[in-house]
Structure formats: structure tokens, C-alpha cells
Amino acid sequence: MADSAKKGITVKVDAELHAQVSQYLKEHGMTMSEFVSLALDNELHPKIEMEDKKMEKMRTLAFQVPEDLFLRIKDYLQRRGLSQKEFMIGLIETELDRDLAQREGEMAAQCAPAEQVGEPDGPEETADVCPVEAPSEEEETEAAYREDVPEDVHEEQEDSLDFSMEM
């Protein structure tokens, strides 16, 4: 793009953030103009992140929070260098992992060999008290979803997912 087609943008940022940007520019051999242009382009036109994992179908979660909480979150994210997406996915995964560990612990406690078989003075043998295999996390998630939503809604959603797009 020719210089005549360019416009200027002037902003003021915290001195600490400016120092971080300056260090980044030195390490990457970039000018401030290149950096700001890239940052603005990435914010306005986000690229699909390619991960080492296979591409998964993505779904959107959206919700509103009070203004003061939003500002606290933005401050936290800026200090930690996280995106909202990284932060929320991290929180959700942490809670789901904690819940899974808790449920597995409860299942293990219920399934612990608690019944003793044989003579009191003889060799100790235990019987498996929990022969039922626990459902997978995916099965539980699907079952919980199905329980929370009326049956007619499931049918409507399945129908609404079938669409085509013409160009």
C-alpha cells in the first residue's frame, strides 16, 4: 500500500505496556507501524487458529456479565496476556476436570471392595461391590442435555441444524 493511502493513528498506553511492545519489536525486527497494523488486522479479521488437535466442530457460548465484572476480567486478561476465549475455555476445562475427578472419586468410594468373603480368621478375600461400569463423560453430557430439554425441542434443534448455503 502506498504511503499516500495510509492514515495515522495515535494512542497512549501504559508505560509498562509500551516497554513490552518495544521489547517485542526489537526481538521480532518490526516497526511500530507494522506491529499496530498487524494487531489491528488480527483483531478486526481473526484467523482460524490451527491446533495440533484435529479440527473439531466449534460451538458458541455467549452470555452477559455486569459491567464491573467485565472490567475486572479485562484487567486480569491484560495482566496475564490471555484472550477471553483462552480464559473461559481454561475455566470451563478446569471445572469439568474437577467435576470428573470428584465423580470418579465418589464412584471409587462406592465401588471399593468393602465386603469381606470367607472366615473371619481365614485369608482375606474381597468381592467386587460395583460391577456396573460408569458411563463415559460424553454419554453423561448427552444424557444431562436430553433430561434438561423437552423432547420436542430436541426434534426442532435437529431439524434446524440441517441447512444449506448457496453462493
N, C-alpha and C. Protein backbone atom coordinates (compact mmCIF):
# COMPACT_ATOMS: atom_id res chain seq x y z
N MET A 1 0.85 -1.17 0.00
CA MET A 1 0.00 0.00 0.00
C MET A 1 0.90 1.24 0.00
N ALA A 2 0.64 2.19 -0.84
CA ALA A 2 1.45 3.40 -0.92
C ALA A 2 1.23 4.26 0.32
N ASP A 3 2.28 5.04 0.68
CA ASP A 3 2.17 5.90 1.87
C ASP A 3 1.04 6.90 1.75
N SER A 4 0.72 7.33 0.53
CA SER A 4 -0.34 8.32 0.36
C SER A 4 -1.72 7.75 0.74
N ALA A 5 -1.85 6.41 0.73
CA ALA A 5 -3.12 5.79 1.08
C ALA A 5 -3.18 5.41 2.55
N LYS A 6 -2.19 5.80 3.31
CA LYS A 6 -2.16 5.45 4.73
C LYS A 6 -2.62 6.62 5.58
N LYS A 7 -3.20 6.29 6.74
CA LYS A 7 -3.66 7.29 7.70
C LYS A 7 -2.97 7.01 9.03
N GLY A 8 -2.82 8.01 9.85
CA GLY A 8 -2.16 7.85 11.14
C GLY A 8 -3.14 7.55 12.26
N ILE A 9 -2.62 6.80 13.25
CA ILE A 9 -3.37 6.52 14.47
C ILE A 9 -2.45 6.84 15.64
N THR A 10 -2.91 7.65 16.56
CA THR A 10 -2.11 7.99 17.73
C THR A 10 -2.83 7.51 18.97
N VAL A 11 -2.14 6.75 19.81
CA VAL A 11 -2.73 6.25 21.05
C VAL A 11 -1.74 6.41 22.19
N LYS A 12 -2.27 6.47 23.38
CA LYS A 12 -1.43 6.47 24.58
C LYS A 12 -1.70 5.18 25.33
N VAL A 13 -0.62 4.52 25.78
CA VAL A 13 -0.73 3.27 26.52
C VAL A 13 0.11 3.39 27.78
N ASP A 14 -0.15 2.49 28.73
CA ASP A 14 0.65 2.46 29.96
C ASP A 14 2.12 2.29 29.61
N ALA A 15 2.99 2.89 30.41
CA ALA A 15 4.43 2.81 30.17
C ALA A 15 4.91 1.36 30.17
N GLU A 16 4.36 0.53 31.05
CA GLU A 16 4.76 -0.88 31.13
C GLU A 16 4.39 -1.63 29.84
N LEU A 17 3.19 -1.37 29.33
CA LEU A 17 2.77 -2.00 28.08
C LEU A 17 3.64 -1.51 26.93
N HIS A 18 3.96 -0.22 26.91
CA HIS A 18 4.82 0.34 25.87
C HIS A 18 6.20 -0.33 25.90
N ALA A 19 6.72 -0.56 27.09
CA ALA A 19 8.02 -1.24 27.21
C ALA A 19 7.94 -2.67 26.68
N GLN A 20 6.84 -3.36 26.96
CA GLN A 20 6.66 -4.72 26.47
C GLN A 20 6.58 -4.74 24.94
N VAL A 21 5.86 -3.78 24.38
CA VAL A 21 5.74 -3.69 22.93
C VAL A 21 7.11 -3.37 22.31
N SER A 22 7.82 -2.44 22.90
CA SER A 22 9.15 -2.08 22.39
C SER A 22 10.08 -3.29 22.41
N GLN A 23 10.06 -4.06 23.48
CA GLN A 23 10.88 -5.26 23.56
C GLN A 23 10.49 -6.26 22.48
N TYR A 24 9.20 -6.44 22.28
CA TYR A 24 8.70 -7.35 21.26
C TYR A 24 9.17 -6.91 19.88
N LEU A 25 9.11 -5.60 19.62
CA LEU A 25 9.53 -5.07 18.32
C LEU A 25 11.00 -5.35 18.07
N LYS A 26 11.83 -5.17 19.10
CA LYS A 26 13.26 -5.46 18.96
C LYS A 26 13.49 -6.93 18.66
N GLU A 27 12.81 -7.80 19.41
CA GLU A 27 13.00 -9.24 19.25
C GLU A 27 12.53 -9.74 17.89
N HIS A 28 11.53 -9.10 17.32
CA HIS A 28 10.95 -9.57 16.06
C HIS A 28 11.32 -8.70 14.85
N GLY A 29 12.15 -7.69 15.07
CA GLY A 29 12.59 -6.85 13.96
C GLY A 29 11.45 -6.16 13.24
N MET A 30 10.51 -5.64 14.00
CA MET A 30 9.34 -4.99 13.42
C MET A 30 9.35 -3.51 13.78
N THR A 31 8.64 -2.73 12.97
CA THR A 31 8.41 -1.33 13.31
C THR A 31 7.10 -1.24 14.08
N MET A 32 6.91 -0.14 14.76
CA MET A 32 5.66 0.09 15.50
C MET A 32 4.49 0.08 14.52
N SER A 33 4.67 0.67 13.36
CA SER A 33 3.61 0.71 12.36
C SER A 33 3.21 -0.69 11.91
N GLU A 34 4.20 -1.55 11.66
CA GLU A 34 3.92 -2.93 11.26
C GLU A 34 3.18 -3.67 12.38
N PHE A 35 3.65 -3.47 13.61
CA PHE A 35 3.05 -4.14 14.76
C PHE A 35 1.59 -3.74 14.94
N VAL A 36 1.33 -2.44 14.95
CA VAL A 36 -0.03 -1.94 15.16
C VAL A 36 -0.93 -2.39 14.01
N SER A 37 -0.44 -2.32 12.78
CA SER A 37 -1.24 -2.77 11.63
C SER A 37 -1.60 -4.24 11.77
N LEU A 38 -0.61 -5.06 12.16
CA LEU A 38 -0.85 -6.49 12.34
C LEU A 38 -1.85 -6.74 13.47
N ALA A 39 -1.67 -6.04 14.59
CA ALA A 39 -2.56 -6.22 15.74
C ALA A 39 -4.00 -5.81 15.38
N LEU A 40 -4.15 -4.70 14.69
CA LEU A 40 -5.48 -4.25 14.30
C LEU A 40 -6.11 -5.21 13.30
N ASP A 41 -5.32 -5.67 12.33
CA ASP A 41 -5.84 -6.63 11.36
C ASP A 41 -6.26 -7.92 12.04
N ASN A 42 -5.45 -8.41 12.99
CA ASN A 42 -5.79 -9.64 13.71
C ASN A 42 -7.05 -9.47 14.55
N GLU A 43 -7.25 -8.30 15.11
CA GLU A 43 -8.44 -8.06 15.93
C GLU A 43 -9.69 -7.91 15.05
N LEU A 44 -9.54 -7.23 13.95
CA LEU A 44 -10.68 -7.00 13.06
C LEU A 44 -11.00 -8.20 12.19
N HIS A 45 -9.98 -8.99 11.85
CA HIS A 45 -10.15 -10.14 10.96
C HIS A 45 -9.44 -11.34 11.56
N PRO A 46 -9.97 -11.90 12.64
CA PRO A 46 -9.28 -13.02 13.31
C PRO A 46 -9.11 -14.21 12.38
N LYS A 47 -7.97 -14.84 12.49
CA LYS A 47 -7.68 -16.04 11.71
C LYS A 47 -8.15 -17.25 12.50
N ILE A 48 -8.50 -18.32 11.80
CA ILE A 48 -8.87 -19.56 12.46
C ILE A 48 -7.59 -20.15 13.04
N GLU A 49 -7.61 -20.44 14.33
CA GLU A 49 -6.44 -21.00 14.99
C GLU A 49 -6.32 -22.47 14.65
N MET A 50 -5.18 -22.86 14.11
CA MET A 50 -4.93 -24.26 13.82
C MET A 50 -4.20 -24.85 15.03
N GLU A 51 -4.77 -25.88 15.57
CA GLU A 51 -4.17 -26.52 16.74
C GLU A 51 -3.61 -27.87 16.33
N ASP A 52 -2.79 -28.45 17.20
CA ASP A 52 -2.24 -29.76 16.95
C ASP A 52 -3.35 -30.81 16.92
N LYS A 53 -4.44 -30.53 17.58
CA LYS A 53 -5.57 -31.45 17.60
C LYS A 53 -6.24 -31.45 16.24
N LYS A 54 -7.04 -32.48 16.00
CA LYS A 54 -7.84 -32.49 14.79
C LYS A 54 -8.85 -31.35 14.88
N MET A 55 -9.27 -30.86 13.74
CA MET A 55 -10.25 -29.78 13.74
C MET A 55 -11.57 -30.30 14.31
N GLU A 56 -12.05 -29.62 15.30
CA GLU A 56 -13.30 -30.01 15.94
C GLU A 56 -14.38 -29.02 15.54
N LYS A 57 -15.61 -29.49 15.55
CA LYS A 57 -16.73 -28.60 15.31
C LYS A 57 -16.78 -27.62 16.47
N MET A 58 -16.86 -26.36 16.17
CA MET A 58 -16.87 -25.34 17.21
C MET A 58 -18.30 -24.86 17.45
N ARG A 59 -18.63 -24.56 18.69
CA ARG A 59 -19.93 -24.02 19.08
C ARG A 59 -19.68 -22.73 19.84
N THR A 60 -20.65 -21.86 19.87
CA THR A 60 -20.51 -20.56 20.52
C THR A 60 -21.26 -20.54 21.84
N LEU A 61 -20.58 -20.03 22.87
CA LEU A 61 -21.22 -19.74 24.15
C LEU A 61 -21.21 -18.22 24.29
N ALA A 62 -22.34 -17.64 24.61
CA ALA A 62 -22.41 -16.19 24.78
C ALA A 62 -23.24 -15.88 26.00
N PHE A 63 -22.79 -14.92 26.79
CA PHE A 63 -23.53 -14.52 27.97
C PHE A 63 -23.12 -13.11 28.36
N GLN A 64 -23.95 -12.47 29.14
CA GLN A 64 -23.67 -11.12 29.60
C GLN A 64 -23.25 -11.15 31.05
N VAL A 65 -22.38 -10.20 31.42
CA VAL A 65 -21.93 -10.06 32.80
C VAL A 65 -22.06 -8.59 33.19
N PRO A 66 -22.15 -8.32 34.49
CA PRO A 66 -22.21 -6.91 34.92
C PRO A 66 -20.94 -6.15 34.50
N GLU A 67 -21.11 -4.86 34.25
CA GLU A 67 -20.01 -4.01 33.78
C GLU A 67 -18.78 -4.09 34.67
N ASP A 68 -18.96 -4.03 36.01
CA ASP A 68 -17.79 -4.06 36.90
C ASP A 68 -17.04 -5.39 36.80
N LEU A 69 -17.75 -6.49 36.66
CA LEU A 69 -17.09 -7.78 36.48
C LEU A 69 -16.36 -7.82 35.15
N PHE A 70 -16.98 -7.30 34.11
CA PHE A 70 -16.36 -7.26 32.79
C PHE A 70 -15.03 -6.50 32.84
N LEU A 71 -15.03 -5.35 33.50
CA LEU A 71 -13.80 -4.56 33.61
C LEU A 71 -12.73 -5.29 34.41
N ARG A 72 -13.12 -5.98 35.47
CA ARG A 72 -12.16 -6.78 36.24
C ARG A 72 -11.57 -7.89 35.39
N ILE A 73 -12.41 -8.55 34.60
CA ILE A 73 -11.93 -9.63 33.72
C ILE A 73 -10.96 -9.06 32.70
N LYS A 74 -11.31 -7.94 32.05
CA LYS A 74 -10.43 -7.34 31.04
C LYS A 74 -9.07 -6.99 31.65
N ASP A 75 -9.09 -6.43 32.87
CA ASP A 75 -7.83 -6.09 33.55
C ASP A 75 -7.00 -7.36 33.81
N TYR A 76 -7.65 -8.39 34.30
CA TYR A 76 -6.99 -9.67 34.57
C TYR A 76 -6.38 -10.23 33.29
N LEU A 77 -7.15 -10.23 32.21
CA LEU A 77 -6.67 -10.78 30.94
C LEU A 77 -5.47 -9.99 30.41
N GLN A 78 -5.53 -8.68 30.54
CA GLN A 78 -4.42 -7.85 30.07
C GLN A 78 -3.15 -8.14 30.87
N ARG A 79 -3.29 -8.25 32.19
CA ARG A 79 -2.11 -8.54 33.03
C ARG A 79 -1.53 -9.91 32.75
N ARG A 80 -2.38 -10.88 32.40
CA ARG A 80 -1.93 -12.26 32.16
C ARG A 80 -1.61 -12.55 30.70
N GLY A 81 -1.97 -11.60 29.81
CA GLY A 81 -1.73 -11.81 28.39
C GLY A 81 -2.58 -12.92 27.80
N LEU A 82 -3.82 -13.02 28.28
CA LEU A 82 -4.75 -14.05 27.81
C LEU A 82 -5.87 -13.42 26.99
N SER A 83 -6.43 -14.22 26.10
CA SER A 83 -7.63 -13.79 25.40
C SER A 83 -8.84 -14.23 26.22
N GLN A 84 -9.99 -13.64 25.93
CA GLN A 84 -11.22 -14.06 26.62
C GLN A 84 -11.48 -15.53 26.35
N LYS A 85 -11.26 -15.95 25.12
CA LYS A 85 -11.51 -17.34 24.74
C LYS A 85 -10.60 -18.28 25.54
N GLU A 86 -9.30 -18.00 25.59
CA GLU A 86 -8.38 -18.85 26.34
C GLU A 86 -8.78 -18.92 27.81
N PHE A 87 -9.15 -17.78 28.37
CA PHE A 87 -9.52 -17.69 29.78
C PHE A 87 -10.77 -18.53 30.07
N MET A 88 -11.81 -18.34 29.27
CA MET A 88 -13.06 -19.06 29.52
C MET A 88 -12.90 -20.56 29.28
N ILE A 89 -12.22 -20.94 28.21
CA ILE A 89 -12.01 -22.37 27.96
C ILE A 89 -11.21 -22.99 29.10
N GLY A 90 -10.20 -22.26 29.59
CA GLY A 90 -9.41 -22.76 30.72
C GLY A 90 -10.27 -22.96 31.96
N LEU A 91 -11.13 -21.98 32.27
CA LEU A 91 -12.01 -22.11 33.44
C LEU A 91 -12.97 -23.29 33.28
N ILE A 92 -13.55 -23.40 32.10
CA ILE A 92 -14.52 -24.47 31.87
C ILE A 92 -13.84 -25.83 31.96
N GLU A 93 -12.68 -25.98 31.30
CA GLU A 93 -11.98 -27.27 31.34
C GLU A 93 -11.55 -27.62 32.76
N THR A 94 -11.08 -26.64 33.52
CA THR A 94 -10.67 -26.89 34.90
C THR A 94 -11.85 -27.39 35.73
N GLU A 95 -13.00 -26.73 35.59
CA GLU A 95 -14.18 -27.13 36.36
C GLU A 95 -14.68 -28.50 35.93
N LEU A 96 -14.70 -28.76 34.63
CA LEU A 96 -15.15 -30.07 34.15
C LEU A 96 -14.20 -31.18 34.63
N ASP A 97 -12.89 -30.92 34.60
CA ASP A 97 -11.92 -31.90 35.09
C ASP A 97 -12.10 -32.14 36.59
N ARG A 98 -12.33 -31.06 37.35
CA ARG A 98 -12.55 -31.18 38.79
C ARG A 98 -13.80 -32.00 39.06
N ASP A 99 -14.87 -31.71 38.31
CA ASP A 99 -16.11 -32.45 38.49
C ASP A 99 -15.94 -33.92 38.15
N LEU A 100 -15.23 -34.21 37.06
CA LEU A 100 -14.99 -35.59 36.66
C LEU A 100 -14.19 -36.33 37.73
N ALA A 101 -13.15 -35.68 38.27
CA ALA A 101 -12.34 -36.30 39.32
C ALA A 101 -13.19 -36.56 40.57
N GLN A 102 -14.05 -35.62 40.90
CA GLN A 102 -14.94 -35.79 42.06
C GLN A 102 -15.88 -36.96 41.84
N ARG A 103 -16.48 -37.04 40.65
CA ARG A 103 -17.41 -38.13 40.36
C ARG A 103 -16.68 -39.47 40.35
N GLU A 104 -15.46 -39.51 39.81
CA GLU A 104 -14.68 -40.75 39.80
C GLU A 104 -14.33 -41.16 41.23
N GLY A 105 -14.01 -40.16 42.07
CA GLY A 105 -13.72 -40.44 43.47
C GLY A 105 -14.93 -41.00 44.19
N GLU A 106 -16.09 -40.42 43.93
CA GLU A 106 -17.33 -40.93 44.53
C GLU A 106 -17.63 -42.34 44.04
N MET A 107 -17.41 -42.58 42.75
CA MET A 107 -17.64 -43.90 42.18
C MET A 107 -16.67 -44.92 42.78
N ALA A 108 -15.41 -44.50 42.94
CA ALA A 108 -14.41 -45.40 43.52
C ALA A 108 -14.76 -45.72 44.97
N ALA A 109 -15.28 -44.72 45.70
CA ALA A 109 -15.67 -44.97 47.08
C ALA A 109 -16.83 -45.95 47.15
N GLN A 110 -17.77 -45.83 46.22
CA GLN A 110 -18.91 -46.75 46.19
C GLN A 110 -18.48 -48.13 45.73
N CYS A 111 -17.48 -48.18 44.87
CA CYS A 111 -17.06 -49.45 44.29
C CYS A 111 -15.91 -50.10 45.05
N ALA A 112 -15.48 -49.50 46.14
CA ALA A 112 -14.35 -50.06 46.90
C ALA A 112 -14.71 -51.44 47.42
N PRO A 113 -13.74 -52.35 47.43
CA PRO A 113 -14.02 -53.69 47.98
C PRO A 113 -14.30 -53.58 49.47
N ALA A 114 -15.59 -53.58 49.80
CA ALA A 114 -15.98 -53.38 51.19
C ALA A 114 -16.51 -54.63 51.84
N GLU A 115 -16.92 -55.59 51.05
CA GLU A 115 -17.47 -56.82 51.62
C GLU A 115 -16.37 -57.86 51.73
N GLN A 116 -16.24 -58.41 52.92
CA GLN A 116 -15.24 -59.45 53.12
C GLN A 116 -15.90 -60.81 52.94
N VAL A 117 -15.23 -61.71 52.25
CA VAL A 117 -15.76 -63.04 51.97
C VAL A 117 -14.86 -64.04 52.67
N GLY A 118 -15.46 -65.08 53.26
CA GLY A 118 -14.65 -66.12 53.90
C GLY A 118 -14.74 -66.05 55.40
N GLU A 119 -13.93 -66.87 56.06
CA GLU A 119 -13.90 -66.95 57.51
C GLU A 119 -13.23 -65.71 58.09
N PRO A 120 -13.65 -65.28 59.27
CA PRO A 120 -13.02 -64.12 59.90
C PRO A 120 -11.54 -64.36 60.17
N ASP A 121 -11.14 -65.60 60.48
CA ASP A 121 -9.75 -65.88 60.79
C ASP A 121 -8.98 -66.36 59.56
N GLY A 122 -9.68 -66.63 58.47
CA GLY A 122 -9.06 -67.18 57.27
C GLY A 122 -8.46 -66.09 56.40
N PRO A 123 -8.00 -66.47 55.20
CA PRO A 123 -7.41 -65.48 54.29
C PRO A 123 -8.46 -64.47 53.85
N GLU A 124 -8.01 -63.22 53.71
CA GLU A 124 -8.95 -62.16 53.33
C GLU A 124 -9.18 -62.19 51.84
N GLU A 125 -10.42 -62.16 51.46
CA GLU A 125 -10.80 -62.02 50.07
C GLU A 125 -11.87 -60.95 50.02
N THR A 126 -11.88 -60.20 48.94
CA THR A 126 -12.89 -59.15 48.80
C THR A 126 -13.71 -59.42 47.55
N ALA A 127 -14.93 -58.98 47.60
CA ALA A 127 -15.82 -59.13 46.45
C ALA A 127 -16.01 -57.77 45.80
N ASP A 128 -16.13 -57.75 44.48
CA ASP A 128 -16.38 -56.52 43.76
C ASP A 128 -17.81 -56.08 44.04
N VAL A 129 -17.95 -54.91 44.67
CA VAL A 129 -19.25 -54.43 45.08
C VAL A 129 -19.91 -53.60 43.97
N CYS A 130 -19.16 -53.22 42.96
CA CYS A 130 -19.67 -52.30 41.95
C CYS A 130 -19.42 -52.87 40.55
N PRO A 131 -20.22 -53.82 40.13
CA PRO A 131 -19.97 -54.43 38.83
C PRO A 131 -20.43 -53.57 37.65
N VAL A 132 -21.15 -52.49 37.88
CA VAL A 132 -21.67 -51.66 36.80
C VAL A 132 -20.60 -50.69 36.35
N GLU A 133 -20.37 -50.63 35.05
CA GLU A 133 -19.37 -49.70 34.51
C GLU A 133 -19.99 -48.32 34.40
N ALA A 134 -19.23 -47.29 34.78
CA ALA A 134 -19.72 -45.92 34.74
C ALA A 134 -19.82 -45.45 33.30
N PRO A 135 -20.84 -44.62 32.98
CA PRO A 135 -20.96 -44.10 31.62
C PRO A 135 -19.82 -43.13 31.32
N SER A 136 -19.49 -43.00 30.03
CA SER A 136 -18.43 -42.07 29.64
C SER A 136 -18.91 -40.64 29.88
N GLU A 137 -17.95 -39.71 29.90
CA GLU A 137 -18.29 -38.31 30.11
C GLU A 137 -19.20 -37.80 28.98
N GLU A 138 -18.94 -38.24 27.76
CA GLU A 138 -19.77 -37.82 26.63
C GLU A 138 -21.20 -38.33 26.78
N GLU A 139 -21.34 -39.58 27.25
CA GLU A 139 -22.68 -40.14 27.46
C GLU A 139 -23.42 -39.38 28.54
N GLU A 140 -22.70 -39.01 29.61
CA GLU A 140 -23.34 -38.27 30.69
C GLU A 140 -23.76 -36.88 30.24
N THR A 141 -22.90 -36.22 29.44
CA THR A 141 -23.22 -34.88 28.94
C THR A 141 -24.46 -34.94 28.06
N GLU A 142 -24.50 -35.89 27.15
CA GLU A 142 -25.66 -36.06 26.27
C GLU A 142 -26.91 -36.37 27.08
N ALA A 143 -26.78 -37.26 28.06
CA ALA A 143 -27.94 -37.63 28.89
C ALA A 143 -28.44 -36.42 29.68
N ALA A 144 -27.51 -35.64 30.24
CA ALA A 144 -27.90 -34.46 31.01
C ALA A 144 -28.61 -33.45 30.11
N TYR A 145 -28.09 -33.28 28.91
CA TYR A 145 -28.73 -32.35 27.97
C TYR A 145 -30.13 -32.83 27.63
N ARG A 146 -30.27 -34.11 27.35
CA ARG A 146 -31.57 -34.67 26.98
C ARG A 146 -32.57 -34.54 28.13
N GLU A 147 -32.10 -34.67 29.38
CA GLU A 147 -33.00 -34.57 30.53
C GLU A 147 -33.49 -33.15 30.75
N ASP A 148 -32.61 -32.15 30.47
CA ASP A 148 -32.93 -30.76 30.74
C ASP A 148 -33.83 -30.13 29.69
N VAL A 149 -33.86 -30.68 28.48
CA VAL A 149 -34.58 -30.06 27.38
C VAL A 149 -35.77 -30.94 27.00
N PRO A 150 -36.97 -30.35 26.87
CA PRO A 150 -38.14 -31.14 26.48
C PRO A 150 -37.91 -31.83 25.14
N GLU A 151 -38.55 -32.98 24.95
CA GLU A 151 -38.34 -33.82 23.75
C GLU A 151 -38.61 -33.08 22.46
N ASP A 152 -39.67 -32.25 22.42
CA ASP A 152 -39.99 -31.55 21.17
C ASP A 152 -38.91 -30.56 20.77
N VAL A 153 -38.15 -30.03 21.74
CA VAL A 153 -37.06 -29.11 21.43
C VAL A 153 -35.94 -29.85 20.74
N HIS A 154 -35.66 -31.11 21.16
CA HIS A 154 -34.60 -31.90 20.51
C HIS A 154 -34.90 -32.05 19.03
N GLU A 155 -36.13 -32.35 18.71
CA GLU A 155 -36.50 -32.55 17.32
C GLU A 155 -36.36 -31.26 16.53
N GLU A 156 -36.79 -30.12 17.12
CA GLU A 156 -36.66 -28.85 16.44
C GLU A 156 -35.20 -28.51 16.19
N GLN A 157 -34.33 -28.75 17.18
CA GLN A 157 -32.91 -28.44 17.03
C GLN A 157 -32.29 -29.32 15.97
N GLU A 158 -32.62 -30.58 15.95
CA GLU A 158 -32.04 -31.46 14.95
C GLU A 158 -32.47 -31.02 13.56
N ASP A 159 -33.74 -30.60 13.41
CA ASP A 159 -34.21 -30.11 12.13
C ASP A 159 -33.52 -28.81 11.75
N SER A 160 -33.29 -27.93 12.72
CA SER A 160 -32.71 -26.62 12.41
C SER A 160 -31.22 -26.72 12.08
N LEU A 161 -30.58 -27.81 12.42
CA LEU A 161 -29.17 -27.95 12.11
C LEU A 161 -28.94 -28.34 10.66
N ASP A 162 -29.97 -28.76 9.97
CA ASP A 162 -29.85 -29.18 8.59
C ASP A 162 -30.15 -27.99 7.69
N PHE A 163 -29.12 -27.34 7.17
CA PHE A 163 -29.32 -26.21 6.30
C PHE A 163 -28.25 -26.22 5.23
N SER A 164 -28.51 -25.48 4.17
CA SER A 164 -27.52 -25.37 3.10
C SER A 164 -27.35 -23.92 2.75
N MET A 165 -26.24 -23.64 2.10
CA MET A 165 -25.91 -22.27 1.75
C MET A 165 -25.53 -22.24 0.28
N GLU A 166 -26.13 -21.35 -0.51
CA GLU A 166 -25.80 -21.23 -1.91
C GLU A 166 -25.09 -19.92 -2.15
N MET A 167 -24.16 -19.96 -3.08
CA MET A 167 -23.43 -18.73 -3.41
C MET A 167 -23.77 -18.28 -4.81
